Amino acid sequence: MDLLRMRWDDVVFAHWSVDPETVAAQLPDGLDVATHGGDAWLGVVGFVMSGIRPSGAPLGRSFPELNLRTYVTHPTTGGRGVYFFSLDAADLLGVSIARRGFRLPYFRAEMRHTRDRDGTMTLRSRRTHTDAPAARFDASYRPTGEAFTPDSGSLEAFLTENYRFYTAGSRLYAGDIAHEPWSIAGATATIRSNTLWSASGFEPPDSDPIVHYSSGIDVTAGGLDAV
């Protein structure tokens, strides 16, 4: 059952390969690290959440959002998906609903997304959530090639084509989303500040990320189920 409808616009994916043991140490019980080519991956994904609303509602809320995530599998069901270490959003109501209704680690933040005349986008974020680790992100990005749909089994598909997310509270839960296959392009990013890693207990990256861009996608999301 679809509970929410939304659109994700001007999406930037910045991914770094990391040792699987580094990620495993930060996962809740019941989830295993998903790897591609022997590597685990940590991703910073930023976008503009547009028109998020309950299914059937004509109007919704729009605001920038930013998350730090990895990719996991459930050892019993075999379902692969996303595990979020943090999600920052510039919307008090949205953060409150997501924390209570979806048990996700959302945090309030001051955020701004802009687009220059040459097509370069800038996303800035400063976490303001009470009693939460401080975190900042400041980056500019733009696509550098033609958009394409990732091939099944490719690294690009591994990093983007994920339709389930997991979250942990008193027990482990899973939620599902639905959308058309991603259309992405290679991209370049200049990251001036990124303390999302250290805020979630990771050493800051010492390499450049793999970067992709999407102009946007329509998404529906259902509720949570215990797994």
Protein backbone atom coordinates (compact mmCIF):
# COMPACT_ATOMS: atom_id res chain seq x y z
CA MET A 1 0.00 0.00 0.00
CA ASP A 2 1.41 3.39 -1.03
CA LEU A 3 1.41 5.82 1.87
CA LEU A 4 3.49 8.65 0.43
CA ARG A 5 4.19 10.18 -2.96
CA MET A 6 7.10 12.47 -3.74
CA ARG A 7 9.69 13.50 -6.30
CA TRP A 8 13.46 13.62 -5.85
CA ASP A 9 15.02 16.38 -7.98
CA ASP A 10 18.65 17.28 -8.83
CA VAL A 11 20.04 14.16 -7.18
CA VAL A 12 23.76 13.81 -6.53
CA PHE A 13 25.25 10.42 -5.62
CA ALA A 14 28.79 10.53 -4.19
CA HIS A 15 30.15 7.08 -3.28
CA TRP A 16 33.38 5.87 -1.70
CA SER A 17 34.58 2.26 -1.51
CA VAL A 18 35.42 1.08 2.01
CA ASP A 19 36.49 -2.11 3.76
CA PRO A 20 33.41 -4.27 4.46
CA GLU A 21 34.53 -4.78 8.08
CA THR A 22 34.47 -1.01 8.62
CA VAL A 23 30.81 -0.88 7.62
CA ALA A 24 29.85 -4.13 9.38
CA ALA A 25 31.00 -2.71 12.71
CA GLN A 26 28.36 0.06 12.42
CA LEU A 27 25.39 -2.09 11.36
CA PRO A 28 22.63 -3.31 13.69
CA ASP A 29 22.20 -7.01 14.39
CA GLY A 30 20.35 -8.79 11.60
CA LEU A 31 21.96 -7.06 8.62
CA ASP A 32 24.99 -8.05 6.54
CA VAL A 33 27.15 -5.81 4.38
CA ALA A 34 26.38 -5.93 0.66
CA THR A 35 29.48 -5.67 -1.51
CA HIS A 36 30.31 -5.12 -5.17
CA GLY A 37 33.69 -6.20 -6.42
CA GLY A 38 34.63 -7.10 -2.85
CA ASP A 39 34.08 -3.55 -1.58
CA ALA A 40 31.46 -2.04 0.67
CA TRP A 41 30.28 1.44 -0.24
CA LEU A 42 29.37 4.54 1.71
CA GLY A 43 27.31 7.09 -0.15
CA VAL A 44 26.34 10.70 0.42
CA VAL A 45 23.15 11.36 -1.52
CA GLY A 46 21.65 14.83 -1.74
CA PHE A 47 18.55 16.10 -3.53
CA VAL A 48 15.51 18.31 -3.36
CA MET A 49 12.46 16.53 -1.97
CA SER A 50 9.56 17.91 -4.00
CA GLY A 51 5.87 17.62 -3.23
CA ILE A 52 6.05 14.92 -0.55
CA ARG A 53 2.47 14.16 0.50
CA PRO A 54 0.13 11.35 1.52
CA SER A 55 -1.20 9.38 -1.44
CA GLY A 56 -4.26 11.14 -2.79
CA ALA A 57 -3.36 14.56 -1.40
CA PRO A 58 -3.08 17.28 -4.09
CA LEU A 59 -0.26 19.32 -2.53
CA GLY A 60 2.90 18.52 -0.63
CA ARG A 61 6.00 19.93 1.03
CA SER A 62 9.36 20.57 -0.65
CA PHE A 63 12.81 20.89 0.94
CA PRO A 64 16.45 19.81 0.49
CA GLU A 65 17.54 16.47 1.94
CA LEU A 66 20.88 14.74 2.45
CA ASN A 67 21.74 11.24 3.63
CA LEU A 68 24.69 9.03 4.49
CA ARG A 69 23.99 5.43 3.55
CA THR A 70 25.37 1.99 2.80
CA TYR A 71 24.05 -1.18 1.18
CA VAL A 72 23.04 -4.29 3.06
CA THR A 73 21.39 -7.68 2.81
CA HIS A 74 19.07 -9.48 5.19
CA PRO A 75 20.49 -12.97 5.84
CA THR A 76 17.09 -14.67 6.14
CA THR A 77 15.04 -13.03 3.40
CA GLY A 78 18.00 -12.26 1.14
CA GLY A 79 16.52 -8.86 0.47
CA ARG A 80 19.10 -6.22 -0.49
CA GLY A 81 18.56 -2.59 0.36
CA VAL A 82 19.77 0.63 1.91
CA TYR A 83 20.74 1.28 5.50
CA PHE A 84 20.81 4.95 6.49
CA PHE A 85 23.29 6.19 9.08
CA SER A 86 21.77 9.67 8.95
CA LEU A 87 19.27 11.76 7.02
CA ASP A 88 19.29 15.56 7.26
CA ALA A 89 16.34 17.61 6.06
CA ALA A 90 15.31 21.26 6.12
CA ASP A 91 11.78 20.60 7.29
CA LEU A 92 10.71 20.36 10.93
CA LEU A 93 7.43 18.57 10.24
CA GLY A 94 8.97 16.12 7.79
CA VAL A 95 11.74 15.20 10.20
CA SER A 96 9.26 14.64 13.03
CA ILE A 97 6.99 12.42 10.93
CA ALA A 98 9.88 10.38 9.52
CA ARG A 99 11.41 9.79 12.96
CA ARG A 100 8.10 8.69 14.49
CA GLY A 101 6.38 6.97 11.59
CA PHE A 102 9.34 5.39 9.79
CA ARG A 103 11.87 5.07 12.67
CA LEU A 104 14.53 6.65 10.47
CA PRO A 105 17.49 8.67 11.85
CA TYR A 106 16.34 12.01 10.48
CA PHE A 107 17.83 15.25 11.78
CA ARG A 108 16.79 18.86 11.35
CA ALA A 109 19.25 20.99 9.39
CA GLU A 110 19.63 24.39 7.79
CA MET A 111 20.01 23.60 4.10
CA ARG A 112 20.15 25.45 0.80
CA HIS A 113 20.15 24.15 -2.77
CA THR A 114 20.94 26.51 -5.66
CA ARG A 115 21.58 26.25 -9.40
CA ASP A 116 23.92 28.56 -11.31
CA ARG A 117 23.40 29.71 -14.89
CA ASP A 118 25.98 27.21 -16.13
CA GLY A 119 24.03 24.31 -14.58
CA THR A 120 26.25 23.85 -11.53
CA MET A 121 24.24 23.01 -8.42
CA THR A 122 25.34 23.71 -4.83
CA LEU A 123 24.03 21.96 -1.74
CA ARG A 124 24.91 23.25 1.72
CA SER A 125 23.77 21.73 5.01
CA ARG A 126 24.35 22.42 8.70
CA ARG A 127 22.70 20.08 11.20
CA THR A 128 20.76 21.93 13.90
CA HIS A 129 18.98 19.01 15.58
CA THR A 130 19.09 19.13 19.38
CA ASP A 131 21.33 16.50 21.05
CA ALA A 132 22.63 15.20 17.71
CA PRO A 133 26.24 15.03 16.47
CA ALA A 134 27.20 18.15 14.54
CA ALA A 135 27.45 17.64 10.78
CA ARG A 136 28.12 19.87 7.79
CA PHE A 137 28.15 19.34 4.04
CA ASP A 138 29.01 21.82 1.31
CA ALA A 139 29.45 20.72 -2.30
CA SER A 140 28.89 21.82 -5.88
CA TYR A 141 28.11 19.31 -8.62
CA ARG A 142 27.08 19.03 -12.23
CA PRO A 143 26.60 16.26 -14.82
CA THR A 144 29.42 15.65 -17.27
CA GLY A 145 27.88 13.22 -19.77
CA GLU A 146 24.72 11.82 -21.28
CA ALA A 147 22.14 10.18 -19.05
CA PHE A 148 21.81 6.38 -19.17
CA THR A 149 19.99 3.55 -17.41
CA PRO A 150 22.46 1.36 -15.47
CA ASP A 151 22.90 -2.21 -16.67
CA SER A 152 21.80 -4.96 -14.31
CA GLY A 153 24.75 -6.19 -12.24
CA SER A 154 26.82 -3.06 -12.84
CA LEU A 155 28.32 -0.96 -10.09
CA GLU A 156 26.04 1.92 -11.10
CA ALA A 157 22.97 -0.30 -10.61
CA PHE A 158 24.30 -1.56 -7.27
CA LEU A 159 24.64 2.02 -6.01
CA THR A 160 21.32 3.37 -7.27
CA GLU A 161 18.77 0.61 -7.92
CA ASN A 162 17.65 -0.10 -4.36
CA TYR A 163 13.99 -0.43 -3.52
CA ARG A 164 14.07 -1.43 0.15
CA PHE A 165 15.41 0.32 3.23
CA TYR A 166 16.11 -1.08 6.67
CA THR A 167 15.94 0.67 10.02
CA ALA A 168 16.46 -0.53 13.57
CA GLY A 169 14.75 0.36 16.81
CA SER A 170 13.75 -2.20 19.41
CA ARG A 171 13.85 -4.59 16.44
CA LEU A 172 14.65 -4.53 12.72
CA TYR A 173 12.17 -3.08 10.24
CA ALA A 174 12.02 -2.81 6.45
CA GLY A 175 10.16 -0.47 4.14
CA ASP A 176 9.75 -0.50 0.37
CA ILE A 177 9.73 2.25 -2.24
CA ALA A 178 8.83 2.14 -5.93
CA HIS A 179 9.94 4.16 -8.94
CA GLU A 180 10.99 3.75 -12.57
CA PRO A 181 14.62 2.69 -13.19
CA TRP A 182 17.09 5.49 -12.58
CA SER A 183 18.38 7.60 -15.45
CA ILE A 184 21.79 8.86 -14.33
CA ALA A 185 24.83 10.60 -15.78
CA GLY A 186 28.44 10.73 -14.77
CA ALA A 187 29.14 13.87 -12.78
CA THR A 188 31.82 15.91 -11.09
CA ALA A 189 31.65 17.30 -7.57
CA THR A 190 33.70 19.77 -5.57
CA ILE A 191 33.23 18.88 -1.90
CA ARG A 192 34.37 21.71 0.35
CA SER A 193 33.09 20.24 3.61
CA ASN A 194 31.81 16.79 4.63
CA THR A 195 31.60 15.83 8.29
CA LEU A 196 28.74 13.38 7.85
CA TRP A 197 31.19 10.48 8.09
CA SER A 198 32.70 11.47 11.42
CA ALA A 199 29.24 12.30 12.82
CA SER A 200 28.32 8.64 12.24
CA GLY A 201 31.55 7.20 13.63
CA PHE A 202 33.56 6.75 10.41
CA GLU A 203 37.01 8.04 9.58
CA PRO A 204 36.74 10.77 6.91
CA PRO A 205 37.39 9.54 3.35
CA ASP A 206 40.89 9.99 1.96
CA SER A 207 39.99 9.45 -1.71
CA ASP A 208 37.78 11.03 -4.34
CA PRO A 209 34.26 9.64 -4.74
CA ILE A 210 32.50 8.18 -7.74
CA VAL A 211 29.85 10.76 -8.60
CA HIS A 212 26.57 10.43 -10.51
CA TYR A 213 23.70 12.83 -11.16
CA SER A 214 20.00 12.44 -11.94
CA SER A 215 17.62 15.21 -12.88
CA GLY A 216 14.92 13.52 -10.85
CA ILE A 217 12.46 10.67 -10.33
CA ASP A 218 8.91 10.15 -9.00
CA VAL A 219 8.73 7.88 -5.94
CA THR A 220 6.08 6.15 -3.84
CA ALA A 221 6.71 4.68 -0.39
CA GLY A 222 4.83 2.20 1.78
CA GLY A 223 4.85 1.49 5.48
CA LEU A 224 7.24 -0.50 7.68
CA ASP A 225 7.18 -4.22 8.42
CA ALA A 226 9.13 -6.06 11.09
CA VAL A 227 11.70 -8.50 9.67
